[in-house]
Amino acid sequence: MFSFISQKDLDTDFIKSQSMQPNCRHELKIKIKKEKKTITLSFPSESYQLDSTQPSIAVLNDIQGKSARIIYQNYIVKKSTGDVRIDTFINQDKEGDIDSIEKDFYFSKKDVYSIYVTYKAKPDNLGSMIMLNTLERFFLSLEADWH
């Protein structure tokens, strides 16, 4: 149903084996090669239309919990093969050090399925940071040919 550009850190054989499972229309697990970390992509039953509305500070606190400071960034890439939105939440502690980075990834094509996943990484954990960066490249390369 969709395609993506293969990446050196992504275990494409694992993805191919998962795509043969009967529940593939609702979720798909992916993992990176050198880690045992897997993450499940969700395919909600409806397609979300992506916009670039920024949430308020109160909404950010509700989403992320209390933090000394939350830096929020987002961007949307619109293509005929599907739209990608990536929301980034950088949580800082009282000293200004980065405590965690969370990214919400959305892929949507109008009037068809959406793909969604959220992932939170600690900056001092190399494996989780590789997964975070790999997910971003994966979502940016997604294309759907659904009708």
Protein backbone atom coordinates (compact mmCIF):
# COMPACT_ATOMS: atom_id res chain seq x y z
CA MET A 1 0.00 0.00 0.00
CA PHE A 2 2.92 2.36 0.60
CA SER A 3 6.58 2.57 -0.25
CA PHE A 4 9.60 4.24 1.35
CA ILE A 5 13.28 4.80 0.66
CA SER A 6 15.39 2.12 2.33
CA GLN A 7 17.89 3.37 4.89
CA LYS A 8 21.06 1.83 6.28
CA ASP A 9 19.78 1.74 9.90
CA LEU A 10 16.33 0.34 9.05
CA ASP A 11 15.77 -3.43 9.13
CA THR A 12 13.85 -3.76 5.85
CA ASP A 13 13.68 -7.57 6.05
CA PHE A 14 11.84 -7.22 9.37
CA ILE A 15 9.42 -4.73 7.79
CA LYS A 16 8.79 -7.06 4.84
CA SER A 17 8.03 -9.98 7.16
CA GLN A 18 5.65 -7.78 9.18
CA SER A 19 3.88 -6.60 6.04
CA MET A 20 2.82 -10.17 5.32
CA GLN A 21 0.88 -10.41 8.60
CA PRO A 22 -2.95 -10.20 8.54
CA ASN A 23 -3.00 -7.18 10.89
CA CYS A 24 -0.81 -5.17 8.50
CA ARG A 25 -3.80 -3.05 7.47
CA HIS A 26 -3.97 -1.65 11.04
CA GLU A 27 -0.39 -1.60 12.26
CA LEU A 28 3.17 -2.33 11.22
CA LYS A 29 6.23 -2.87 13.42
CA ILE A 30 9.58 -1.53 12.35
CA LYS A 31 13.02 -1.71 13.93
CA ILE A 32 16.55 -0.55 13.39
CA LYS A 33 19.27 -3.10 12.62
CA LYS A 34 21.73 -2.75 15.49
CA GLU A 35 19.14 -2.40 18.26
CA LYS A 36 16.34 -4.55 19.54
CA LYS A 37 14.06 -1.53 19.63
CA THR A 38 10.84 -1.93 17.71
CA ILE A 39 8.06 0.56 17.28
CA THR A 40 4.53 0.05 16.03
CA LEU A 41 3.11 2.34 13.38
CA SER A 42 -0.64 2.82 13.76
CA PHE A 43 -2.98 3.10 10.81
CA PRO A 44 -6.09 4.87 12.14
CA SER A 45 -9.33 4.06 10.37
CA GLU A 46 -9.71 7.59 9.07
CA SER A 47 -7.40 9.98 7.31
CA TYR A 48 -6.39 13.07 9.25
CA GLN A 49 -6.10 16.28 7.32
CA LEU A 50 -2.88 17.88 8.47
CA ASP A 51 -2.60 21.56 9.29
CA SER A 52 0.11 23.70 10.85
CA THR A 53 -1.82 25.14 13.81
CA GLN A 54 0.52 25.55 16.77
CA PRO A 55 -0.81 24.37 20.14
CA SER A 56 -1.01 26.77 23.09
CA ILE A 57 1.31 26.49 26.11
CA ALA A 58 -1.56 24.95 28.12
CA VAL A 59 -2.08 22.29 25.44
CA LEU A 60 1.67 21.59 25.31
CA ASN A 61 1.73 21.11 29.09
CA ASP A 62 -1.24 18.74 28.84
CA ILE A 63 0.44 16.76 26.07
CA GLN A 64 3.95 16.67 27.50
CA GLY A 65 3.42 17.02 31.22
CA LYS A 66 5.16 19.61 33.34
CA SER A 67 8.64 20.54 32.22
CA ALA A 68 10.89 23.47 33.04
CA ARG A 69 10.67 24.45 29.38
CA ILE A 70 9.20 22.88 26.26
CA ILE A 71 10.47 23.91 22.86
CA TYR A 72 7.92 23.05 20.17
CA GLN A 73 8.62 22.86 16.45
CA ASN A 74 6.61 21.45 13.59
CA TYR A 75 6.65 21.27 9.84
CA ILE A 76 4.49 19.87 7.08
CA VAL A 77 5.59 18.53 3.71
CA LYS A 78 2.75 18.26 1.17
CA LYS A 79 3.14 15.96 -1.83
CA SER A 80 0.71 14.34 -4.23
CA THR A 81 1.69 10.94 -2.75
CA GLY A 82 0.80 12.02 0.80
CA ASP A 83 1.41 14.70 3.40
CA VAL A 84 3.87 14.42 6.30
CA ARG A 85 3.69 16.38 9.54
CA ILE A 86 6.36 16.14 12.21
CA ASP A 87 5.83 17.71 15.64
CA THR A 88 8.91 17.99 17.85
CA PHE A 89 8.82 18.54 21.62
CA ILE A 90 12.17 19.28 23.26
CA ASN A 91 11.93 19.10 27.06
CA GLN A 92 14.52 21.00 29.05
CA ASP A 93 15.23 20.71 32.77
CA LYS A 94 15.77 23.64 35.17
CA GLU A 95 19.43 23.90 34.21
CA GLY A 96 18.56 24.19 30.52
CA ASP A 97 19.84 20.72 29.62
CA ILE A 98 17.76 18.65 27.22
CA ASP A 99 15.91 15.98 29.18
CA SER A 100 14.12 14.33 26.25
CA ILE A 101 13.06 14.80 22.64
CA GLU A 102 9.72 13.52 21.46
CA LYS A 103 8.49 13.52 17.89
CA ASP A 104 5.01 12.80 16.62
CA PHE A 105 5.01 11.59 13.03
CA TYR A 106 1.92 11.74 10.80
CA PHE A 107 1.51 10.60 7.21
CA SER A 108 -1.81 11.21 5.53
CA LYS A 109 -3.29 11.00 2.09
CA LYS A 110 -6.69 12.59 1.62
CA ASP A 111 -9.66 10.23 2.03
CA VAL A 112 -7.50 7.16 2.75
CA TYR A 113 -5.60 5.74 5.71
CA SER A 114 -3.24 7.73 7.87
CA ILE A 115 -0.08 6.46 9.51
CA TYR A 116 0.90 7.70 12.95
CA VAL A 117 3.60 7.05 15.54
CA THR A 118 5.13 8.92 18.45
CA TYR A 119 8.63 8.30 19.78
CA LYS A 120 10.48 9.76 22.75
CA ALA A 121 14.27 9.64 23.03
CA LYS A 122 16.85 10.58 25.62
CA PRO A 123 19.73 12.51 24.03
CA ASP A 124 22.35 10.39 25.79
CA ASN A 125 20.91 7.10 24.46
CA LEU A 126 22.47 6.52 21.03
CA GLY A 127 20.05 3.74 20.03
CA SER A 128 16.95 5.79 20.77
CA MET A 129 18.38 8.82 18.94
CA ILE A 130 19.15 6.63 15.89
CA MET A 131 15.55 5.38 15.98
CA LEU A 132 14.24 8.96 16.22
CA ASN A 133 16.27 10.11 13.21
CA THR A 134 15.47 6.96 11.23
CA LEU A 135 11.74 7.45 11.82
CA GLU A 136 11.96 11.01 10.56
CA ARG A 137 13.70 9.95 7.34
CA PHE A 138 11.27 7.03 6.96
CA PHE A 139 8.20 9.28 7.23
CA LEU A 140 9.67 11.89 4.90
CA SER A 141 10.23 9.22 2.25
CA LEU A 142 6.77 7.59 2.54
CA GLU A 143 4.59 7.50 -0.55
CA ALA A 144 1.11 6.04 -0.89
CA ASP A 145 -0.64 4.88 -4.01
CA TRP A 146 -4.03 4.33 -2.40
CA HIS A 147 -7.16 5.26 -4.31
